[in-house]
Amino acid sequence: MAQQYSAEFKMEAVKRIERTGEAISKVAADLGVNKNTMHGWVKRYREKPFSPFPGSGKLSPDDENIRKLEREIRELREENEILKKAAAYFAKNQK
């Protein structure tokens, strides 16, 4: 099973790399973290410095908004398909 690290631990590790300029592999070895995992943390931090590690099951505000909009689009498409079928049914019965 994969090791779980707290958001605070991840932030401190990434800040150490950013602050000192140490190599990611060295910091990873010092902390006992896989270097690929550490690379992922640094990448995430550089992409979203204000909320890189939102936590288990939590989304960043942007990701949450995207998910909400995608759900709304899916629902509107379903409603549109239902209306198309209803229109076709009523048009067929008017002949």
PDB file of N, CA and C in Angstrom:
ATOM      1  N   MET A   1       0.840  -1.175   0.000  1.00  0.00           N
ATOM      2  CA  MET A   1       0.000   0.000   0.000  1.00  0.00           C
ATOM      3  C   MET A   1       0.892   1.247   0.000  1.00  0.00           C
ATOM      4  N   ALA A   2       0.489   2.246  -0.733  1.00  0.00           N
ATOM      5  CA  ALA A   2       1.282   3.463  -0.873  1.00  0.00           C
ATOM      6  C   ALA A   2       1.275   4.273   0.421  1.00  0.00           C
ATOM      7  N   GLN A   3       2.405   4.886   0.678  1.00  0.00           N
ATOM      8  CA  GLN A   3       2.542   5.753   1.849  1.00  0.00           C
ATOM      9  C   GLN A   3       1.711   7.020   1.629  1.00  0.00           C
ATOM     10  N   GLN A   4       1.037   7.468   2.659  1.00  0.00           N
ATOM     11  CA  GLN A   4       0.248   8.705   2.600  1.00  0.00           C
ATOM     12  C   GLN A   4       1.007   9.796   3.346  1.00  0.00           C
ATOM     13  N   TYR A   5       1.147  10.943   2.703  1.00  0.00           N
ATOM     14  CA  TYR A   5       1.842  12.071   3.314  1.00  0.00           C
ATOM     15  C   TYR A   5       0.862  13.221   3.481  1.00  0.00           C
ATOM     16  N   SER A   6       1.022  13.968   4.550  1.00  0.00           N
ATOM     17  CA  SER A   6       0.134  15.111   4.788  1.00  0.00           C
ATOM     18  C   SER A   6       0.487  16.244   3.830  1.00  0.00           C
ATOM     19  N   ALA A   7      -0.479  17.134   3.621  1.00  0.00           N
ATOM     20  CA  ALA A   7      -0.256  18.288   2.759  1.00  0.00           C
ATOM     21  C   ALA A   7       0.864  19.166   3.319  1.00  0.00           C
ATOM     22  N   GLU A   8       0.945  19.253   4.642  1.00  0.00           N
ATOM     23  CA  GLU A   8       1.989  20.065   5.268  1.00  0.00           C
ATOM     24  C   GLU A   8       3.378  19.494   4.979  1.00  0.00           C
ATOM     25  N   PHE A   9       3.501  18.171   5.051  1.00  0.00           N
ATOM     26  CA  PHE A   9       4.777  17.509   4.766  1.00  0.00           C
ATOM     27  C   PHE A   9       5.191  17.783   3.328  1.00  0.00           C
ATOM     28  N   LYS A  10       4.242  17.640   2.410  1.00  0.00           N
ATOM     29  CA  LYS A  10       4.529  17.876   0.991  1.00  0.00           C
ATOM     30  C   LYS A  10       4.973  19.315   0.760  1.00  0.00           C
ATOM     31  N   MET A  11       4.251  20.255   1.372  1.00  0.00           N
ATOM     32  CA  MET A  11       4.585  21.672   1.200  1.00  0.00           C
ATOM     33  C   MET A  11       5.978  21.974   1.736  1.00  0.00           C
ATOM     34  N   GLU A  12       6.306  21.444   2.890  1.00  0.00           N
ATOM     35  CA  GLU A  12       7.628  21.689   3.469  1.00  0.00           C
ATOM     36  C   GLU A  12       8.724  21.105   2.582  1.00  0.00           C
ATOM     37  N   ALA A  13       8.486  19.918   2.031  1.00  0.00           N
ATOM     38  CA  ALA A  13       9.472  19.295   1.151  1.00  0.00           C
ATOM     39  C   ALA A  13       9.682  20.138  -0.105  1.00  0.00           C
ATOM     40  N   VAL A  14       8.593  20.579  -0.706  1.00  0.00           N
ATOM     41  CA  VAL A  14       8.689  21.385  -1.924  1.00  0.00           C
ATOM     42  C   VAL A  14       9.326  22.740  -1.628  1.00  0.00           C
ATOM     43  N   LYS A  15       8.949  23.350  -0.521  1.00  0.00           N
ATOM     44  CA  LYS A  15       9.533  24.651  -0.165  1.00  0.00           C
ATOM     45  C   LYS A  15      11.030  24.527   0.090  1.00  0.00           C
ATOM     46  N   ARG A  16      11.433  23.400   0.644  1.00  0.00           N
ATOM     47  CA  ARG A  16      12.870  23.172   0.866  1.00  0.00           C
ATOM     48  C   ARG A  16      13.603  23.161  -0.470  1.00  0.00           C
ATOM     49  N   ILE A  17      13.022  22.504  -1.457  1.00  0.00           N
ATOM     50  CA  ILE A  17      13.639  22.447  -2.784  1.00  0.00           C
ATOM     51  C   ILE A  17      13.674  23.839  -3.407  1.00  0.00           C
ATOM     52  N   GLU A  18      12.560  24.544  -3.316  1.00  0.00           N
ATOM     53  CA  GLU A  18      12.465  25.878  -3.903  1.00  0.00           C
ATOM     54  C   GLU A  18      13.405  26.868  -3.202  1.00  0.00           C
ATOM     55  N   ARG A  19      13.471  26.785  -1.891  1.00  0.00           N
ATOM     56  CA  ARG A  19      14.251  27.738  -1.094  1.00  0.00           C
ATOM     57  C   ARG A  19      15.758  27.493  -1.227  1.00  0.00           C
ATOM     58  N   THR A  20      16.161  26.232  -1.128  1.00  0.00           N
ATOM     59  CA  THR A  20      17.598  25.926  -1.090  1.00  0.00           C
ATOM     60  C   THR A  20      18.181  25.602  -2.453  1.00  0.00           C
ATOM     61  N   GLY A  21      17.343  25.212  -3.381  1.00  0.00           N
ATOM     62  CA  GLY A  21      17.845  24.827  -4.701  1.00  0.00           C
ATOM     63  C   GLY A  21      18.476  23.447  -4.722  1.00  0.00           C
ATOM     64  N   GLU A  22      18.246  22.671  -3.665  1.00  0.00           N
ATOM     65  CA  GLU A  22      18.787  21.310  -3.622  1.00  0.00           C
ATOM     66  C   GLU A  22      18.143  20.465  -4.720  1.00  0.00           C
ATOM     67  N   ALA A  23      18.836  19.423  -5.108  1.00  0.00           N
ATOM     68  CA  ALA A  23      18.303  18.511  -6.113  1.00  0.00           C
ATOM     69  C   ALA A  23      17.102  17.753  -5.533  1.00  0.00           C
ATOM     70  N   ILE A  24      16.121  17.538  -6.376  1.00  0.00           N
ATOM     71  CA  ILE A  24      14.910  16.832  -5.939  1.00  0.00           C
ATOM     72  C   ILE A  24      15.262  15.447  -5.428  1.00  0.00           C
ATOM     73  N   SER A  25      16.172  14.760  -6.127  1.00  0.00           N
ATOM     74  CA  SER A  25      16.534  13.397  -5.713  1.00  0.00           C
ATOM     75  C   SER A  25      17.208  13.392  -4.341  1.00  0.00           C
ATOM     76  N   LYS A  26      17.999  14.423  -4.030  1.00  0.00           N
ATOM     77  CA  LYS A  26      18.663  14.486  -2.719  1.00  0.00           C
ATOM     78  C   LYS A  26      17.644  14.702  -1.606  1.00  0.00           C
ATOM     79  N   VAL A  27      16.725  15.646  -1.807  1.00  0.00           N
ATOM     80  CA  VAL A  27      15.700  15.913  -0.794  1.00  0.00           C
ATOM     81  C   VAL A  27      14.819  14.675  -0.617  1.00  0.00           C
ATOM     82  N   ALA A  28      14.485  14.029  -1.724  1.00  0.00           N
ATOM     83  CA  ALA A  28      13.661  12.819  -1.648  1.00  0.00           C
ATOM     84  C   ALA A  28      14.364  11.741  -0.829  1.00  0.00           C
ATOM     85  N   ALA A  29      15.649  11.552  -1.072  1.00  0.00           N
ATOM     86  CA  ALA A  29      16.407  10.546  -0.321  1.00  0.00           C
ATOM     87  C   ALA A  29      16.485  10.915   1.158  1.00  0.00           C
ATOM     88  N   ASP A  30      16.698  12.199   1.457  1.00  0.00           N
ATOM     89  CA  ASP A  30      16.781  12.653   2.854  1.00  0.00           C
ATOM     90  C   ASP A  30      15.468  12.394   3.602  1.00  0.00           C
ATOM     91  N   LEU A  31      14.358  12.588   2.902  1.00  0.00           N
ATOM     92  CA  LEU A  31      13.051  12.447   3.548  1.00  0.00           C
ATOM     93  C   LEU A  31      12.470  11.030   3.435  1.00  0.00           C
ATOM     94  N   GLY A  32      13.130  10.176   2.676  1.00  0.00           N
ATOM     95  CA  GLY A  32      12.632   8.811   2.512  1.00  0.00           C
ATOM     96  C   GLY A  32      11.422   8.725   1.592  1.00  0.00           C
ATOM     97  N   VAL A  33      11.389   9.611   0.597  1.00  0.00           N
ATOM     98  CA  VAL A  33      10.279   9.658  -0.355  1.00  0.00           C
ATOM     99  C   VAL A  33      10.818   9.240  -1.710  1.00  0.00           C
ATOM    100  N   ASN A  34      10.026   8.547  -2.485  1.00  0.00           N
ATOM    101  CA  ASN A  34      10.420   8.168  -3.829  1.00  0.00           C
ATOM    102  C   ASN A  34      10.664   9.429  -4.647  1.00  0.00           C
ATOM    103  N   LYS A  35      11.724   9.436  -5.452  1.00  0.00           N
ATOM    104  CA  LYS A  35      12.064  10.655  -6.197  1.00  0.00           C
ATOM    105  C   LYS A  35      10.994  11.002  -7.233  1.00  0.00           C
ATOM    106  N   ASN A  36      10.327   9.997  -7.805  1.00  0.00           N
ATOM    107  CA  ASN A  36       9.247  10.281  -8.761  1.00  0.00           C
ATOM    108  C   ASN A  36       8.063  10.950  -8.061  1.00  0.00           C
ATOM    109  N   THR A  37       7.801  10.529  -6.844  1.00  0.00           N
ATOM    110  CA  THR A  37       6.744  11.154  -6.053  1.00  0.00           C
ATOM    111  C   THR A  37       7.080  12.609  -5.789  1.00  0.00           C
ATOM    112  N   MET A  38       8.330  12.854  -5.423  1.00  0.00           N
ATOM    113  CA  MET A  38       8.773  14.217  -5.142  1.00  0.00           C
ATOM    114  C   MET A  38       8.690  15.084  -6.401  1.00  0.00           C
ATOM    115  N   HIS A  39       9.059  14.529  -7.549  1.00  0.00           N
ATOM    116  CA  HIS A  39       8.938  15.268  -8.813  1.00  0.00           C
ATOM    117  C   HIS A  39       7.477  15.665  -9.054  1.00  0.00           C
ATOM    118  N   GLY A  40       6.563  14.756  -8.758  1.00  0.00           N
ATOM    119  CA  GLY A  40       5.138  15.046  -8.916  1.00  0.00           C
ATOM    120  C   GLY A  40       4.685  16.176  -8.013  1.00  0.00           C
ATOM    121  N   TRP A  41       5.163  16.179  -6.789  1.00  0.00           N
ATOM    122  CA  TRP A  41       4.797  17.237  -5.844  1.00  0.00           C
ATOM    123  C   TRP A  41       5.297  18.593  -6.333  1.00  0.00           C
ATOM    124  N   VAL A  42       6.535  18.611  -6.803  1.00  0.00           N
ATOM    125  CA  VAL A  42       7.119  19.866  -7.278  1.00  0.00           C
ATOM    126  C   VAL A  42       6.354  20.359  -8.504  1.00  0.00           C
ATOM    127  N   LYS A  43       6.024  19.456  -9.404  1.00  0.00           N
ATOM    128  CA  LYS A  43       5.279  19.826 -10.607  1.00  0.00           C
ATOM    129  C   LYS A  43       3.921  20.419 -10.223  1.00  0.00           C
ATOM    130  N   ARG A  44       3.230  19.744  -9.315  1.00  0.00           N
ATOM    131  CA  ARG A  44       1.924  20.216  -8.862  1.00  0.00           C
ATOM    132  C   ARG A  44       2.018  21.597  -8.222  1.00  0.00           C
ATOM    133  N   TYR A  45       3.058  21.771  -7.417  1.00  0.00           N
ATOM    134  CA  TYR A  45       3.256  23.054  -6.741  1.00  0.00           C
ATOM    135  C   TYR A  45       3.505  24.164  -7.760  1.00  0.00           C
ATOM    136  N   ARG A  46       4.293  23.872  -8.765  1.00  0.00           N
ATOM    137  CA  ARG A  46       4.600  24.893  -9.774  1.00  0.00           C
ATOM    138  C   ARG A  46       3.392  25.219 -10.646  1.00  0.00           C
ATOM    139  N   GLU A  47       2.508  24.245 -10.849  1.00  0.00           N
ATOM    140  CA  GLU A  47       1.291  24.486 -11.637  1.00  0.00           C
ATOM    141  C   GLU A  47       0.256  25.284 -10.846  1.00  0.00           C
ATOM    142  N   LYS A  48       0.090  24.932  -9.574  1.00  0.00           N
ATOM    143  CA  LYS A  48      -0.919  25.582  -8.730  1.00  0.00           C
ATOM    144  C   LYS A  48      -0.306  25.924  -7.378  1.00  0.00           C
ATOM    145  N   PRO A  49       0.454  27.001  -7.301  1.00  0.00           N
ATOM    146  CA  PRO A  49       1.159  27.304  -6.056  1.00  0.00           C
ATOM    147  C   PRO A  49       0.265  27.653  -4.866  1.00  0.00           C
ATOM    148  N   PHE A  50      -0.981  28.065  -5.119  1.00  0.00           N
ATOM    149  CA  PHE A  50      -1.834  28.468  -4.003  1.00  0.00           C
ATOM    150  C   PHE A  50      -2.608  27.305  -3.391  1.00  0.00           C
ATOM    151  N   SER A  51      -2.832  26.246  -4.148  1.00  0.00           N
ATOM    152  CA  SER A  51      -3.513  25.071  -3.588  1.00  0.00           C
ATOM    153  C   SER A  51      -3.038  23.803  -4.288  1.00  0.00           C
ATOM    154  N   PRO A  52      -1.752  23.458  -4.129  1.00  0.00           N
ATOM    155  CA  PRO A  52      -1.231  22.294  -4.835  1.00  0.00           C
ATOM    156  C   PRO A  52      -1.696  20.956  -4.269  1.00  0.00           C
ATOM    157  N   PHE A  53      -2.002  20.917  -2.983  1.00  0.00           N
ATOM    158  CA  PHE A  53      -2.368  19.656  -2.333  1.00  0.00           C
ATOM    159  C   PHE A  53      -3.674  19.847  -1.574  1.00  0.00           C
ATOM    160  N   PRO A  54      -4.822  19.826  -2.283  1.00  0.00           N
ATOM    161  CA  PRO A  54      -6.090  20.120  -1.616  1.00  0.00           C
ATOM    162  C   PRO A  54      -6.514  19.071  -0.595  1.00  0.00           C
ATOM    163  N   GLY A  55      -6.006  17.863  -0.686  1.00  0.00           N
ATOM    164  CA  GLY A  55      -6.355  16.834   0.288  1.00  0.00           C
ATOM    165  C   GLY A  55      -7.211  15.754  -0.322  1.00  0.00           C
ATOM    166  N   SER A  56      -7.386  14.715   0.405  1.00  0.00           N
ATOM    167  CA  SER A  56      -8.127  13.555  -0.066  1.00  0.00           C
ATOM    168  C   SER A  56      -9.590  13.896  -0.289  1.00  0.00           C
ATOM    169  N   GLY A  57     -10.044  13.711  -1.515  1.00  0.00           N
ATOM    170  CA  GLY A  57     -11.444  13.946  -1.823  1.00  0.00           C
ATOM    171  C   GLY A  57     -11.824  15.396  -1.988  1.00  0.00           C
ATOM    172  N   LYS A  58     -10.885  16.306  -1.813  1.00  0.00           N
ATOM    173  CA  LYS A  58     -11.172  17.723  -1.940  1.00  0.00           C
ATOM    174  C   LYS A  58     -10.613  18.223  -3.264  1.00  0.00           C
ATOM    175  N   LEU A  59     -11.349  19.111  -3.899  1.00  0.00           N
ATOM    176  CA  LEU A  59     -10.911  19.680  -5.160  1.00  0.00           C
ATOM    177  C   LEU A  59     -10.552  21.143  -4.969  1.00  0.00           C
ATOM    178  N   SER A  60      -9.669  21.603  -5.825  1.00  0.00           N
ATOM    179  CA  SER A  60      -9.379  23.031  -5.808  1.00  0.00           C
ATOM    180  C   SER A  60     -10.634  23.747  -6.303  1.00  0.00           C
ATOM    181  N   PRO A  61     -10.794  25.025  -5.991  1.00  0.00           N
ATOM    182  CA  PRO A  61     -11.996  25.745  -6.440  1.00  0.00           C
ATOM    183  C   PRO A  61     -12.189  25.700  -7.957  1.00  0.00           C
ATOM    184  N   ASP A  62     -11.093  25.790  -8.708  1.00  0.00           N
ATOM    185  CA  ASP A  62     -11.201  25.727 -10.161  1.00  0.00           C
ATOM    186  C   ASP A  62     -11.676  24.360 -10.629  1.00  0.00           C
ATOM    187  N   ASP A  63     -11.091  23.300 -10.061  1.00  0.00           N
ATOM    188  CA  ASP A  63     -11.490  21.951 -10.444  1.00  0.00           C
ATOM    189  C   ASP A  63     -12.934  21.663 -10.050  1.00  0.00           C
ATOM    190  N   GLU A  64     -13.341  22.174  -8.903  1.00  0.00           N
ATOM    191  CA  GLU A  64     -14.724  21.992  -8.451  1.00  0.00           C
ATOM    192  C   GLU A  64     -15.694  22.687  -9.406  1.00  0.00           C
ATOM    193  N   ASN A  65     -15.334  23.884  -9.841  1.00  0.00           N
ATOM    194  CA  ASN A  65     -16.173  24.620 -10.783  1.00  0.00           C
ATOM    195  C   ASN A  65     -16.255  23.893 -12.128  1.00  0.00           C
ATOM    196  N   ILE A  66     -15.130  23.365 -12.598  1.00  0.00           N
ATOM    197  CA  ILE A  66     -15.122  22.608 -13.849  1.00  0.00           C
ATOM    198  C   ILE A  66     -16.014  21.391 -13.740  1.00  0.00           C
ATOM    199  N   ARG A  67     -15.924  20.668 -12.641  1.00  0.00           N
ATOM    200  CA  ARG A  67     -16.757  19.480 -12.450  1.00  0.00           C
ATOM    201  C   ARG A  67     -18.240  19.849 -12.455  1.00  0.00           C
ATOM    202  N   LYS A  68     -18.580  20.954 -11.796  1.00  0.00           N
ATOM    203  CA  LYS A  68     -19.972  21.413 -11.750  1.00  0.00           C
ATOM    204  C   LYS A  68     -20.469  21.751 -13.152  1.00  0.00           C
ATOM    205  N   LEU A  69     -19.655  22.486 -13.913  1.00  0.00           N
ATOM    206  CA  LEU A  69     -20.055  22.865 -15.268  1.00  0.00           C
ATOM    207  C   LEU A  69     -20.176  21.651 -16.194  1.00  0.00           C
ATOM    208  N   GLU A  70     -19.276  20.677 -16.047  1.00  0.00           N
ATOM    209  CA  GLU A  70     -19.362  19.458 -16.860  1.00  0.00           C
ATOM    210  C   GLU A  70     -20.641  18.694 -16.553  1.00  0.00           C
ATOM    211  N   ARG A  71     -21.016  18.629 -15.281  1.00  0.00           N
ATOM    212  CA  ARG A  71     -22.256  17.947 -14.891  1.00  0.00           C
ATOM    213  C   ARG A  71     -23.463  18.670 -15.494  1.00  0.00           C
ATOM    214  N   GLU A  72     -23.431  20.006 -15.449  1.00  0.00           N
ATOM    215  CA  GLU A  72     -24.526  20.795 -16.002  1.00  0.00           C
ATOM    216  C   GLU A  72     -24.638  20.582 -17.521  1.00  0.00           C
ATOM    217  N   ILE A  73     -23.509  20.536 -18.205  1.00  0.00           N
ATOM    218  CA  ILE A  73     -23.516  20.285 -19.649  1.00  0.00           C
ATOM    219  C   ILE A  73     -24.113  18.918 -19.945  1.00  0.00           C
ATOM    220  N   ARG A  74     -23.712  17.908 -19.185  1.00  0.00           N
ATOM    221  CA  ARG A  74     -24.223  16.549 -19.379  1.00  0.00           C
ATOM    222  C   ARG A  74     -25.739  16.513 -19.188  1.00  0.00           C
ATOM    223  N   GLU A  75     -26.236  17.179 -18.150  1.00  0.00           N
ATOM    224  CA  GLU A  75     -27.680  17.200 -17.893  1.00  0.00           C
ATOM    225  C   GLU A  75     -28.433  17.925 -19.005  1.00  0.00           C
ATOM    226  N   LEU A  76     -27.874  19.040 -19.479  1.00  0.00           N
ATOM    227  CA  LEU A  76     -28.532  19.781 -20.560  1.00  0.00           C
ATOM    228  C   LEU A  76     -28.560  18.982 -21.857  1.00  0.00           C
ATOM    229  N   ARG A  77     -27.514  18.239 -22.133  1.00  0.00           N
ATOM    230  CA  ARG A  77     -27.501  17.388 -23.335  1.00  0.00           C
ATOM    231  C   ARG A  77     -28.555  16.297 -23.236  1.00  0.00           C
ATOM    232  N   GLU A  78     -28.698  15.706 -22.053  1.00  0.00           N
ATOM    233  CA  GLU A  78     -29.729  14.675 -21.862  1.00  0.00           C
ATOM    234  C   GLU A  78     -31.122  15.269 -22.061  1.00  0.00           C
ATOM    235  N   GLU A  79     -31.350  16.444 -21.493  1.00  0.00           N
ATOM    236  CA  GLU A  79     -32.651  17.107 -21.654  1.00  0.00           C
ATOM    237  C   GLU A  79     -32.908  17.434 -23.118  1.00  0.00           C
ATOM    238  N   ASN A  80     -31.881  17.871 -23.829  1.00  0.00           N
ATOM    239  CA  ASN A  80     -32.010  18.192 -25.246  1.00  0.00           C
ATOM    240  C   ASN A  80     -32.399  16.948 -26.053  1.00  0.00           C
ATOM    241  N   GLU A  81     -31.783  15.814 -25.742  1.00  0.00           N
ATOM    242  CA  GLU A  81     -32.119  14.564 -26.443  1.00  0.00           C
ATOM    243  C   GLU A  81     -33.571  14.168 -26.188  1.00  0.00           C
ATOM    244  N   ILE A  82     -34.023  14.336 -24.966  1.00  0.00           N
ATOM    245  CA  ILE A  82     -35.415  14.009 -24.628  1.00  0.00           C
ATOM    246  C   ILE A  82     -36.365  14.904 -25.413  1.00  0.00           C
ATOM    247  N   LEU A  83     -36.048  16.191 -25.490  1.00  0.00           N
ATOM    248  CA  LEU A  83     -36.903  17.121 -26.237  1.00  0.00           C
ATOM    249  C   LEU A  83     -36.916  16.805 -27.729  1.00  0.00           C
ATOM    250  N   LYS A  84     -35.795  16.402 -28.275  1.00  0.00           N
ATOM    251  CA  LYS A  84     -35.745  16.020 -29.695  1.00  0.00           C
ATOM    252  C   LYS A  84     -36.647  14.819 -29.957  1.00  0.00           C
ATOM    253  N   LYS A  85     -36.578  13.826 -29.071  1.00  0.00           N
ATOM    254  CA  LYS A  85     -37.405  12.626 -29.234  1.00  0.00           C
ATOM    255  C   LYS A  85     -38.883  12.971 -29.092  1.00  0.00           C
ATOM    256  N   ALA A  86     -39.215  13.851 -28.155  1.00  0.00           N
ATOM    257  CA  ALA A  86     -40.609  14.251 -27.966  1.00  0.00           C
ATOM    258  C   ALA A  86     -41.116  15.009 -29.185  1.00  0.00           C
ATOM    259  N   ALA A  87     -40.291  15.904 -29.725  1.00  0.00           N
ATOM    260  CA  ALA A  87     -40.687  16.663 -30.913  1.00  0.00           C
ATOM    261  C   ALA A  87     -40.905  15.731 -32.100  1.00  0.00           C
ATOM    262  N   ALA A  88     -40.036  14.752 -32.280  1.00  0.00           N
ATOM    263  CA  ALA A  88     -40.191  13.795 -33.364  1.00  0.00           C
ATOM    264  C   ALA A  88     -41.460  12.968 -33.178  1.00  0.00           C
ATOM    265  N   TYR A  89     -41.752  12.568 -31.949  1.00  0.00           N
ATOM    266  CA  TYR A  89     -42.948  11.775 -31.671  1.00  0.00           C
ATOM    267  C   TYR A  89     -44.213  12.567 -32.003  1.00  0.00           C
ATOM    268  N   PHE A  90     -44.278  13.818 -31.558  1.00  0.00           N
ATOM    269  CA  PHE A  90     -45.471  14.633 -31.814  1.00  0.00           C
ATOM    270  C   PHE A  90     -45.600  15.011 -33.292  1.00  0.00           C
ATOM    271  N   ALA A  91     -44.473  15.224 -33.975  1.00  0.00           N
ATOM    272  CA  ALA A  91     -44.524  15.537 -35.406  1.00  0.00           C
ATOM    273  C   ALA A  91     -45.040  14.340 -36.197  1.00  0.00           C
ATOM    274  N   LYS A  92     -44.675  13.142 -35.772  1.00  0.00           N
ATOM    275  CA  LYS A  92     -45.115  11.919 -36.442  1.00  0.00           C
ATOM    276  C   LYS A  92     -46.605  11.717 -36.250  1.00  0.00           C
ATOM    277  N   ASN A  93     -47.128  12.046 -35.082  1.00  0.00           N
ATOM    278  CA  ASN A  93     -48.548  11.836 -34.782  1.00  0.00           C
ATOM    279  C   ASN A  93     -49.453  12.895 -35.391  1.00  0.00           C
ATOM    280  N   GLN A  94     -48.913  14.002 -35.857  1.00  0.00           N
ATOM    281  CA  GLN A  94     -49.748  15.051 -36.445  1.00  0.00           C
ATOM    282  C   GLN A  94     -50.091  14.786 -37.900  1.00  0.00           C
ATOM    283  N   LYS A  95     -49.441  13.855 -38.542  1.00  0.00           N
ATOM    284  CA  LYS A  95     -49.687  13.556 -39.962  1.00  0.00           C
ATOM    285  C   LYS A  95     -50.968  12.806 -40.182  1.00  0.00           C
TER     286      LYS A  95
END
